[in-house]
Amino acid sequence: MTGKILKGFWGIIGSLLIFLCNSCNDFDSFGTDLLNNDWIHAKGDSSFTFTAKSADLDSLITFYNRSYLSSNSLSSVSFPLGKMIDPVFGKVEAAIGTQLRIIPTSNLAFLKNPIDSIMLSLRFDTSLFYGKYKEPMNFSVYPLTQAYNAATTYYSHYTLQYDASKKLGERIAYFPNRTDSLPLQTDTLKYRAFPQLRIALDVNAFMTILKSYSDTVYFTLDSFSKVFNGIAIVCEQGNGIISVQPEHSDSKVTIYYHDNGSVTQSTQEFNMGNLAVKTPEYKIDNQGTIAGQCIDGTIPGDSLLCLQGFNGRDIHITIPYDTKWNGKFINFAVLQFYAQTELPGDSLSNYSLPGLLEIFDVSGGTKVGIDDVIAALGSNYTRVFGGNPVETTVNGKSMYLYKMNITRHFQKSLKAKTSMDLVISPLLKLESPARAVFFGPGKSPFSAKLFLTYSE
């Protein structure tokens, strides 16, 4: 789980900037102490229930144009790729669409000389693999039929437009490996590349496209991406999700060719860096599953609550204002959720719990990160806010518990005498399919609760 936090560091920074732009509240000095078990048993401790249900589906931004040193920005650092059947949450699929960009060049030897091979390389984010990804997977690469526009904001319900009749390459019966690195040699330099997915592209199909353009498209920045829409990378078969980092320098399309009369191999690269528009495509089908029953209300929210990454559902909770809190100084307010990990077919070894959760206030009709989360993003997240699964024992039973410190937000709501309308979501939601089923606030030894510690 620590790996997820480190790999998603820039995603967290991006989230922080968004939160700061949407919140002008001043911070108070309370609610930032270490979440532990000592204060929860202090004098003046009470627990309260609340109502909970599946949050309405919300399309999150996957790409937006933010001008900073002439650079576009992505809300995702890692991109999921694969498909699987989740025993609790159903069918899940993730594909990638990306522009290809070329460094301006007047050396067009790669268009004229013999080609050895063309390789698409995608560096792994090994911390975010999910499901039964060790089973064989089939990947295909197709040309996009619809151009990206860097001035457009793309959302998580975006569907890739590609021509499935013009396959540019494929990798069949691929077994992802998170540990092996690849030995490479460029001229006399030998090195080992980080673990990555490599897909050989069809030389004739790809070069036919490149040779159809005027030479001038390779002379200036952006010219190539304006005539070539980009590529879609799709998982055709598999039972798991791998994660790749297209912005990394290891991720690229490389043409290997020989100059006339030379035995030395030359290369021409097309990158997918931060200036390239990239979007994920998510497909989730919960029908006929426990998650589907939670979403449609067959299983009530006071019993079970389902939360899922990608474009899956979040948890919507409402904490009504209570006059009994008047006259009390709230030292701590903490939400507590136990994960249900014993559902039919479920397995933590394949379907791990989300590493970190976050909370938004939705009382104004839009998602705004609560102050406790904002403070945590700029500090030690689990120390200030919590939101991580901690193994504990309840009545002799091993359980996973999530605690979330909402003290700042609770104090402000109490002062305004307003109810709290909150959504709980996985942190870095778009980068991982990680999901969880929580016990609801109904009568259960593991029921979700709000704990308050106060002085009078």
Protein backbone atom coordinates (compact mmCIF):
# COMPACT_ATOMS: atom_id res chain seq x y z
CA MET A 1 0.00 0.00 0.00
CA THR A 2 2.94 2.32 0.61
CA GLY A 3 3.92 1.70 -3.01
CA LYS A 4 0.55 3.00 -4.17
CA ILE A 5 1.07 6.22 -2.25
CA LEU A 6 4.54 6.77 -3.70
CA LYS A 7 3.55 5.85 -7.26
CA GLY A 8 0.58 8.17 -7.09
CA PHE A 9 2.48 11.12 -5.57
CA TRP A 10 1.91 13.45 -8.48
CA GLY A 11 -1.72 12.38 -8.64
CA ILE A 12 -2.06 13.43 -4.99
CA ILE A 13 -0.42 16.78 -5.72
CA GLY A 14 -2.89 17.27 -8.60
CA SER A 15 -5.79 16.46 -6.30
CA LEU A 16 -4.43 18.90 -3.73
CA LEU A 17 -4.36 21.72 -6.26
CA ILE A 18 -7.94 20.98 -7.29
CA PHE A 19 -9.08 20.96 -3.67
CA LEU A 20 -7.30 24.21 -2.90
CA CYS A 21 -8.95 25.85 -5.88
CA ASN A 22 -12.37 24.76 -4.65
CA SER A 23 -12.06 25.57 -0.96
CA CYS A 24 -11.53 28.95 0.65
CA ASN A 25 -12.16 27.84 4.23
CA ASP A 26 -9.63 28.75 6.90
CA PHE A 27 -8.14 25.84 8.82
CA ASP A 28 -8.45 25.55 12.58
CA SER A 29 -5.86 23.83 14.74
CA PHE A 30 -7.89 20.80 15.84
CA GLY A 31 -8.32 17.32 14.44
CA THR A 32 -4.78 16.83 13.16
CA ASP A 33 -3.43 14.50 15.84
CA LEU A 34 -2.45 10.92 15.29
CA LEU A 35 -5.42 8.64 14.76
CA ASN A 36 -5.09 5.95 17.41
CA ASN A 37 -7.12 4.07 19.95
CA ASP A 38 -6.28 6.24 22.99
CA TRP A 39 -8.53 9.25 22.49
CA ILE A 40 -11.50 7.17 21.30
CA HIS A 41 -11.97 5.87 24.86
CA ALA A 42 -11.68 9.29 26.51
CA LYS A 43 -14.39 10.73 28.69
CA GLY A 44 -17.16 12.32 26.65
CA ASP A 45 -16.98 9.68 23.90
CA SER A 46 -20.20 8.85 22.05
CA SER A 47 -21.06 6.99 18.86
CA PHE A 48 -23.79 7.89 16.40
CA THR A 49 -25.34 6.24 13.39
CA PHE A 50 -26.11 7.86 10.05
CA THR A 51 -27.77 6.97 6.76
CA ALA A 52 -25.75 5.59 3.84
CA LYS A 53 -26.33 4.44 0.28
CA SER A 54 -24.55 3.99 -3.04
CA ALA A 55 -23.44 7.33 -4.48
CA ASP A 56 -24.85 8.30 -7.86
CA LEU A 57 -22.42 7.64 -10.72
CA ASP A 58 -20.18 10.65 -11.31
CA SER A 59 -18.02 11.15 -14.40
CA LEU A 60 -14.59 12.26 -13.24
CA ILE A 61 -12.15 14.28 -15.31
CA THR A 62 -9.44 12.15 -16.93
CA PHE A 63 -7.77 14.90 -18.98
CA TYR A 64 -7.89 18.66 -18.73
CA ASN A 65 -5.78 21.48 -20.11
CA ARG A 66 -3.98 23.38 -17.38
CA SER A 67 -1.42 25.86 -18.69
CA TYR A 68 1.78 25.65 -16.67
CA LEU A 69 5.05 26.24 -18.49
CA SER A 70 3.12 25.44 -21.69
CA SER A 71 2.37 21.96 -20.41
CA ASN A 72 -0.93 20.09 -20.41
CA SER A 73 -1.91 18.09 -17.36
CA LEU A 74 -3.38 14.70 -16.61
CA SER A 75 -5.32 13.77 -13.53
CA SER A 76 -3.96 10.23 -13.82
CA VAL A 77 -0.31 9.21 -13.59
CA SER A 78 -0.89 5.47 -14.02
CA PHE A 79 -3.29 4.02 -16.56
CA PRO A 80 -5.03 0.65 -16.01
CA LEU A 81 -5.18 -1.85 -18.85
CA GLY A 82 -6.97 -5.21 -18.89
CA LYS A 83 -10.26 -6.97 -18.28
CA MET A 84 -11.53 -9.33 -15.59
CA ILE A 85 -14.52 -10.99 -13.99
CA ASP A 86 -14.74 -9.88 -10.37
CA PRO A 87 -16.79 -12.34 -8.24
CA VAL A 88 -18.31 -9.48 -6.21
CA PHE A 89 -18.31 -6.53 -8.63
CA GLY A 90 -18.78 -8.18 -12.04
CA LYS A 91 -17.14 -7.35 -15.39
CA VAL A 92 -14.42 -4.72 -15.44
CA GLU A 93 -12.49 -3.51 -18.50
CA ALA A 94 -9.90 -0.78 -19.03
CA ALA A 95 -8.31 0.42 -22.28
CA ILE A 96 -6.04 3.35 -23.18
CA GLY A 97 -6.09 5.93 -25.95
CA THR A 98 -3.10 8.18 -26.58
CA GLN A 99 -1.60 10.58 -29.06
CA LEU A 100 1.87 9.87 -30.40
CA ARG A 101 4.30 12.77 -30.67
CA ILE A 102 7.62 13.08 -32.46
CA ILE A 103 10.61 15.30 -31.75
CA PRO A 104 10.95 17.51 -34.83
CA THR A 105 13.49 16.08 -37.27
CA SER A 106 14.67 16.54 -40.82
CA ASN A 107 16.27 13.09 -40.82
CA LEU A 108 13.65 10.98 -42.58
CA ALA A 109 15.82 7.90 -43.07
CA PHE A 110 13.28 5.85 -41.10
CA LEU A 111 10.81 6.42 -43.97
CA LYS A 112 13.22 5.23 -46.66
CA ASN A 113 15.49 2.55 -45.23
CA PRO A 114 14.82 -1.10 -44.32
CA ILE A 115 12.88 -1.56 -41.06
CA ASP A 116 13.91 -4.27 -38.60
CA SER A 117 10.94 -3.91 -36.26
CA ILE A 118 8.56 -1.46 -34.62
CA MET A 119 7.91 -1.81 -30.90
CA LEU A 120 5.37 -0.24 -28.56
CA SER A 121 6.73 -0.15 -25.01
CA LEU A 122 4.71 0.71 -21.91
CA ARG A 123 6.44 0.88 -18.55
CA PHE A 124 4.61 -0.86 -15.70
CA ASP A 125 3.35 0.67 -12.50
CA THR A 126 3.76 -2.62 -10.66
CA SER A 127 2.07 -1.39 -7.47
CA LEU A 128 -1.36 -1.22 -9.12
CA PHE A 129 -1.74 -4.67 -10.70
CA TYR A 130 -5.09 -6.20 -9.77
CA GLY A 131 -7.18 -9.34 -10.08
CA LYS A 132 -5.83 -12.58 -11.56
CA TYR A 133 -3.34 -10.78 -13.78
CA LYS A 134 -1.00 -13.79 -13.78
CA GLU A 135 -3.34 -15.51 -16.22
CA PRO A 136 -2.54 -15.04 -19.95
CA MET A 137 -3.66 -11.77 -21.53
CA ASN A 138 -4.15 -10.71 -25.17
CA PHE A 139 -3.54 -7.09 -26.21
CA SER A 140 -4.24 -5.33 -29.51
CA VAL A 141 -3.31 -1.91 -30.88
CA TYR A 142 -5.64 -0.01 -33.22
CA PRO A 143 -5.54 3.44 -34.87
CA LEU A 144 -7.89 6.01 -33.37
CA THR A 145 -10.52 7.29 -35.79
CA GLN A 146 -11.30 10.44 -33.82
CA ALA A 147 -8.67 13.07 -33.09
CA TYR A 148 -8.03 14.32 -29.58
CA ASN A 149 -8.28 18.01 -28.83
CA ALA A 150 -5.95 19.35 -26.14
CA ALA A 151 -8.45 22.14 -25.43
CA THR A 152 -11.17 19.61 -24.55
CA THR A 153 -11.84 18.24 -21.07
CA TYR A 154 -12.28 14.46 -21.18
CA TYR A 155 -14.28 12.50 -18.62
CA SER A 156 -14.26 8.94 -17.34
CA HIS A 157 -17.30 7.94 -19.41
CA TYR A 158 -15.36 8.71 -22.63
CA THR A 159 -15.47 5.88 -25.20
CA LEU A 160 -12.44 5.33 -27.42
CA GLN A 161 -13.12 5.63 -31.13
CA TYR A 162 -10.89 3.21 -33.06
CA ASP A 163 -10.98 1.09 -36.21
CA ALA A 164 -11.02 -2.57 -35.11
CA SER A 165 -10.56 -3.69 -38.74
CA LYS A 166 -7.09 -2.11 -38.95
CA LYS A 167 -5.05 -3.79 -36.26
CA LEU A 168 -1.59 -2.27 -35.91
CA GLY A 169 -0.18 -4.94 -33.63
CA GLU A 170 -0.94 -7.54 -30.97
CA ARG A 171 0.52 -9.52 -28.10
CA ILE A 172 -1.00 -12.97 -27.59
CA ALA A 173 -0.92 -15.12 -24.43
CA TYR A 174 1.12 -12.56 -22.53
CA PHE A 175 1.99 -13.31 -18.90
CA PRO A 176 2.68 -10.03 -17.06
CA ASN A 177 5.79 -10.09 -14.93
CA ARG A 178 6.26 -7.43 -12.24
CA THR A 179 9.87 -8.32 -11.43
CA ASP A 180 11.84 -9.09 -14.60
CA SER A 181 13.59 -6.26 -16.39
CA LEU A 182 14.54 -6.28 -20.05
CA PRO A 183 18.20 -6.21 -21.27
CA LEU A 184 18.62 -3.62 -24.04
CA GLN A 185 21.52 -2.33 -26.09
CA THR A 186 21.82 0.97 -27.97
CA ASP A 187 25.02 1.08 -30.01
CA THR A 188 27.63 0.06 -27.42
CA LEU A 189 25.53 0.97 -24.35
CA LYS A 190 23.94 -1.92 -22.50
CA TYR A 191 21.29 -1.39 -19.84
CA ARG A 192 18.24 -3.00 -18.25
CA ALA A 193 14.81 -1.45 -18.67
CA PHE A 194 12.19 -1.42 -15.93
CA PRO A 195 9.50 -4.14 -16.32
CA GLN A 196 7.24 -3.21 -19.21
CA LEU A 197 4.68 -4.41 -21.72
CA ARG A 198 6.11 -4.63 -25.24
CA ILE A 199 3.89 -5.10 -28.29
CA ALA A 200 5.38 -5.58 -31.77
CA LEU A 201 3.59 -3.42 -34.34
CA ASP A 202 2.95 -4.54 -37.90
CA VAL A 203 5.74 -2.92 -39.93
CA ASN A 204 3.76 -2.71 -43.17
CA ALA A 205 0.59 -1.35 -41.53
CA PHE A 206 2.37 1.28 -39.45
CA MET A 207 4.86 2.41 -42.11
CA THR A 208 2.09 2.68 -44.72
CA ILE A 209 0.45 5.29 -42.49
CA LEU A 210 3.69 7.19 -41.87
CA LYS A 211 4.68 7.25 -45.54
CA SER A 212 1.28 8.60 -46.55
CA TYR A 213 2.03 11.98 -44.95
CA SER A 214 3.98 14.89 -46.35
CA ASP A 215 7.58 15.11 -45.14
CA THR A 216 6.82 18.45 -43.51
CA VAL A 217 4.70 16.89 -40.76
CA TYR A 218 7.95 15.63 -39.20
CA PHE A 219 9.68 19.00 -39.29
CA THR A 220 7.75 20.90 -36.60
CA LEU A 221 6.33 20.21 -33.16
CA ASP A 222 2.68 19.09 -33.08
CA SER A 223 2.43 18.58 -36.85
CA PHE A 224 2.47 14.79 -36.67
CA SER A 225 -0.13 14.55 -33.89
CA LYS A 226 -2.44 16.74 -35.99
CA VAL A 227 -2.52 14.25 -38.87
CA PHE A 228 -2.19 10.97 -36.92
CA ASN A 229 -5.04 10.65 -34.40
CA GLY A 230 -3.20 8.25 -32.09
CA ILE A 231 -3.59 4.67 -30.96
CA ALA A 232 -5.91 2.61 -28.78
CA ILE A 233 -4.42 -0.17 -26.64
CA VAL A 234 -7.09 -2.74 -25.81
CA CYS A 235 -7.12 -5.95 -23.78
CA GLU A 236 -9.00 -8.58 -25.79
CA GLN A 237 -8.66 -11.40 -23.25
CA GLY A 238 -7.59 -11.67 -19.62
CA ASN A 239 -8.75 -11.89 -16.02
CA GLY A 240 -6.84 -9.07 -14.41
CA ILE A 241 -5.68 -5.48 -14.67
CA ILE A 242 -2.12 -4.30 -15.21
CA SER A 243 -1.06 -0.68 -14.85
CA VAL A 244 1.21 1.29 -17.18
CA GLN A 245 2.81 4.74 -17.21
CA PRO A 246 2.61 6.17 -20.75
CA GLU A 247 4.22 9.46 -19.71
CA HIS A 248 7.43 7.74 -18.63
CA SER A 249 10.42 7.97 -20.97
CA ASP A 250 10.44 4.15 -21.24
CA SER A 251 6.97 4.31 -22.82
CA LYS A 252 7.15 4.96 -26.56
CA VAL A 253 6.88 3.58 -30.07
CA THR A 254 10.34 2.85 -31.47
CA ILE A 255 11.17 2.17 -35.12
CA TYR A 256 14.37 0.14 -35.49
CA TYR A 257 15.99 0.52 -38.92
CA HIS A 258 19.35 0.38 -40.70
CA ASP A 259 20.94 3.23 -42.60
CA ASN A 260 21.92 2.32 -46.13
CA GLY A 261 25.27 0.53 -46.17
CA SER A 262 25.58 0.59 -42.39
CA VAL A 263 25.49 -2.32 -39.96
CA THR A 264 24.62 0.01 -37.11
CA GLN A 265 20.98 0.04 -36.12
CA SER A 266 19.25 3.41 -35.87
CA THR A 267 16.00 4.33 -34.13
CA GLN A 268 13.16 6.80 -34.47
CA GLU A 269 10.93 7.33 -31.44
CA PHE A 270 7.36 8.53 -30.93
CA ASN A 271 6.57 9.46 -27.34
CA MET A 272 3.45 9.70 -25.16
CA GLY A 273 4.78 12.37 -22.81
CA ASN A 274 2.95 15.03 -20.84
CA LEU A 275 2.07 17.04 -23.96
CA ALA A 276 0.19 14.11 -25.49
CA VAL A 277 -3.53 13.82 -24.79
CA LYS A 278 -4.30 10.47 -23.17
CA THR A 279 -7.58 9.03 -21.91
CA PRO A 280 -8.60 5.78 -20.26
CA GLU A 281 -11.76 3.92 -21.20
CA TYR A 282 -13.62 2.13 -18.40
CA LYS A 283 -16.37 -0.45 -18.73
CA ILE A 284 -18.08 -1.76 -15.59
CA ASP A 285 -21.00 -4.18 -15.53
CA ASN A 286 -22.28 -4.98 -12.02
CA GLN A 287 -25.49 -6.74 -13.12
CA GLY A 288 -26.29 -9.92 -11.21
CA THR A 289 -23.60 -9.31 -8.58
CA ILE A 290 -23.57 -8.36 -4.91
CA ALA A 291 -22.33 -4.92 -5.93
CA GLY A 292 -25.23 -4.61 -8.35
CA GLN A 293 -27.67 -5.44 -5.57
CA CYS A 294 -26.11 -2.76 -3.37
CA ILE A 295 -26.43 -0.22 -6.16
CA ASP A 296 -30.07 -0.97 -7.02
CA GLY A 297 -31.11 -1.14 -3.35
CA THR A 298 -31.89 -4.87 -3.21
CA ILE A 299 -29.27 -5.01 -0.46
CA PRO A 300 -30.02 -1.91 1.69
CA GLY A 301 -27.29 0.57 2.54
CA ASP A 302 -27.64 -0.05 6.27
CA SER A 303 -26.52 -3.63 5.61
CA LEU A 304 -23.73 -3.43 2.99
CA LEU A 305 -22.05 -0.59 1.11
CA CYS A 306 -20.02 -1.01 -2.09
CA LEU A 307 -17.18 1.23 -3.21
CA GLN A 308 -15.18 0.77 -6.44
CA GLY A 309 -12.34 2.45 -8.29
CA PHE A 310 -12.30 3.45 -11.99
CA ASN A 311 -15.74 4.86 -12.78
CA GLY A 312 -17.43 2.68 -10.14
CA ARG A 313 -19.78 3.82 -7.38
CA ASP A 314 -18.80 5.65 -4.21
CA ILE A 315 -20.56 5.76 -0.83
CA HIS A 316 -22.96 8.60 -0.01
CA ILE A 317 -23.55 9.26 3.71
CA THR A 318 -25.78 11.80 5.42
CA ILE A 319 -25.16 12.86 9.02
CA PRO A 320 -28.11 14.97 10.22
CA TYR A 321 -27.54 17.89 12.55
CA ASP A 322 -28.47 16.98 16.15
CA THR A 323 -29.31 19.56 18.81
CA LYS A 324 -27.75 17.32 21.46
CA TRP A 325 -24.36 18.44 20.11
CA ASN A 326 -25.06 22.06 21.05
CA GLY A 327 -22.86 23.36 23.86
CA LYS A 328 -20.23 20.68 23.30
CA PHE A 329 -16.67 21.35 22.13
CA ILE A 330 -15.83 18.63 19.60
CA ASN A 331 -12.27 17.39 20.09
CA PHE A 332 -12.47 14.59 17.54
CA ALA A 333 -15.01 13.31 15.01
CA VAL A 334 -14.09 10.07 13.28
CA LEU A 335 -15.95 7.83 10.84
CA GLN A 336 -15.35 4.12 11.21
CA PHE A 337 -16.02 1.41 8.60
CA TYR A 338 -15.31 -2.33 8.69
CA ALA A 339 -14.64 -4.12 5.42
CA GLN A 340 -16.61 -7.29 4.62
CA THR A 341 -14.01 -9.67 3.18
CA GLU A 342 -15.84 -13.00 3.38
CA LEU A 343 -18.23 -12.78 0.44
CA PRO A 344 -18.54 -15.76 -1.96
CA GLY A 345 -15.56 -15.98 -4.31
CA ASP A 346 -13.80 -12.98 -2.79
CA SER A 347 -10.08 -13.11 -2.07
CA LEU A 348 -7.81 -10.40 -0.72
CA SER A 349 -4.86 -12.03 -2.47
CA ASN A 350 -6.43 -11.16 -5.84
CA TYR A 351 -8.72 -8.25 -4.97
CA SER A 352 -6.94 -6.11 -2.40
CA LEU A 353 -8.70 -3.33 -0.50
CA PRO A 354 -8.20 0.31 -1.57
CA GLY A 355 -5.03 1.64 0.01
CA LEU A 356 -6.45 5.08 0.85
CA LEU A 357 -9.89 6.72 0.91
CA GLU A 358 -10.90 10.39 0.76
CA ILE A 359 -14.09 12.33 1.54
CA PHE A 360 -15.90 15.06 -0.40
CA ASP A 361 -18.64 17.42 0.72
CA VAL A 362 -21.48 17.42 -1.84
CA SER A 363 -23.99 19.65 -0.05
CA GLY A 364 -23.46 22.39 -2.64
CA GLY A 365 -24.10 20.10 -5.60
CA THR A 366 -20.42 19.62 -6.52
CA LYS A 367 -17.62 17.62 -4.94
CA VAL A 368 -15.35 19.64 -2.65
CA GLY A 369 -12.64 17.94 -0.61
CA ILE A 370 -13.26 18.43 3.11
CA ASP A 371 -10.68 20.41 5.11
CA ASP A 372 -9.42 17.29 6.89
CA VAL A 373 -8.46 15.70 3.55
CA ILE A 374 -6.85 18.92 2.27
CA ALA A 375 -4.73 19.19 5.41
CA ALA A 376 -3.73 15.52 5.09
CA LEU A 377 -2.68 15.87 1.43
CA GLY A 378 -0.14 18.48 2.48
CA SER A 379 1.12 16.40 5.38
CA ASN A 380 1.23 12.77 6.55
CA TYR A 381 -2.02 11.49 5.05
CA THR A 382 -2.70 8.52 7.31
CA ARG A 383 -1.60 10.41 10.42
CA VAL A 384 -3.86 13.41 9.81
CA PHE A 385 -6.85 11.83 8.06
CA GLY A 386 -6.50 8.04 8.18
CA GLY A 387 -8.45 6.40 5.40
CA ASN A 388 -6.22 3.32 5.22
CA PRO A 389 -7.16 -0.28 6.10
CA VAL A 390 -5.82 -1.48 9.44
CA GLU A 391 -6.09 -5.11 10.46
CA THR A 392 -7.76 -5.51 13.83
CA THR A 393 -9.60 -8.14 15.88
CA VAL A 394 -13.25 -7.85 16.90
CA ASN A 395 -14.82 -10.58 19.06
CA GLY A 396 -11.94 -12.87 18.13
CA LYS A 397 -12.47 -12.20 14.40
CA SER A 398 -9.81 -10.64 12.18
CA MET A 399 -11.20 -7.58 10.37
CA TYR A 400 -10.00 -4.62 8.32
CA LEU A 401 -10.97 -1.23 9.73
CA TYR A 402 -10.95 2.19 8.05
CA LYS A 403 -10.96 5.29 10.28
CA MET A 404 -11.43 8.74 8.78
CA ASN A 405 -10.87 11.93 10.76
CA ILE A 406 -13.56 14.52 9.86
CA THR A 407 -13.08 16.77 12.89
CA ARG A 408 -12.53 20.04 11.03
CA HIS A 409 -15.51 19.48 8.78
CA PHE A 410 -17.71 18.40 11.67
CA GLN A 411 -16.82 21.51 13.70
CA LYS A 412 -17.76 23.81 10.83
CA SER A 413 -21.03 22.00 10.18
CA LEU A 414 -21.90 22.12 13.87
CA LYS A 415 -21.18 25.83 14.02
CA ALA A 416 -23.46 26.38 11.01
CA LYS A 417 -26.06 23.95 12.44
CA THR A 418 -26.23 22.08 9.13
CA SER A 419 -26.37 18.40 8.25
CA MET A 420 -23.39 16.77 6.55
CA ASP A 421 -23.73 15.43 3.01
CA LEU A 422 -20.57 13.44 2.23
CA VAL A 423 -19.19 11.08 -0.42
CA ILE A 424 -16.46 8.56 0.39
CA SER A 425 -14.25 7.63 -2.56
CA PRO A 426 -10.93 5.84 -3.19
CA LEU A 427 -7.99 8.23 -3.37
CA LEU A 428 -6.56 8.24 -6.92
CA LYS A 429 -9.81 6.59 -7.95
CA LEU A 430 -9.14 6.57 -11.70
CA GLU A 431 -5.86 4.70 -11.45
CA SER A 432 -7.00 1.47 -9.80
CA PRO A 433 -9.99 -0.92 -9.87
CA ALA A 434 -9.48 -1.63 -6.15
CA ARG A 435 -12.86 -1.98 -4.43
CA ALA A 436 -14.37 -2.79 -1.06
CA VAL A 437 -17.63 -3.88 0.53
CA PHE A 438 -18.27 -2.25 3.90
CA PHE A 439 -20.74 -3.08 6.62
CA GLY A 440 -23.43 -0.40 6.72
CA PRO A 441 -24.62 1.53 9.79
CA GLY A 442 -27.29 -1.06 10.67
CA LYS A 443 -27.25 -3.33 13.71
CA SER A 444 -24.07 -5.39 13.52
CA PRO A 445 -20.91 -5.88 15.61
CA PHE A 446 -19.13 -4.32 12.62
CA SER A 447 -21.56 -1.51 11.83
CA ALA A 448 -20.32 1.80 10.45
CA LYS A 449 -20.37 4.56 13.05
CA LEU A 450 -19.48 8.15 13.76
CA PHE A 451 -17.44 8.52 16.95
CA LEU A 452 -17.27 11.85 18.79
CA THR A 453 -14.98 12.90 21.61
CA TYR A 454 -16.05 16.17 23.17
CA SER A 455 -15.79 18.48 26.15
CA GLU A 456 -18.67 20.38 27.76
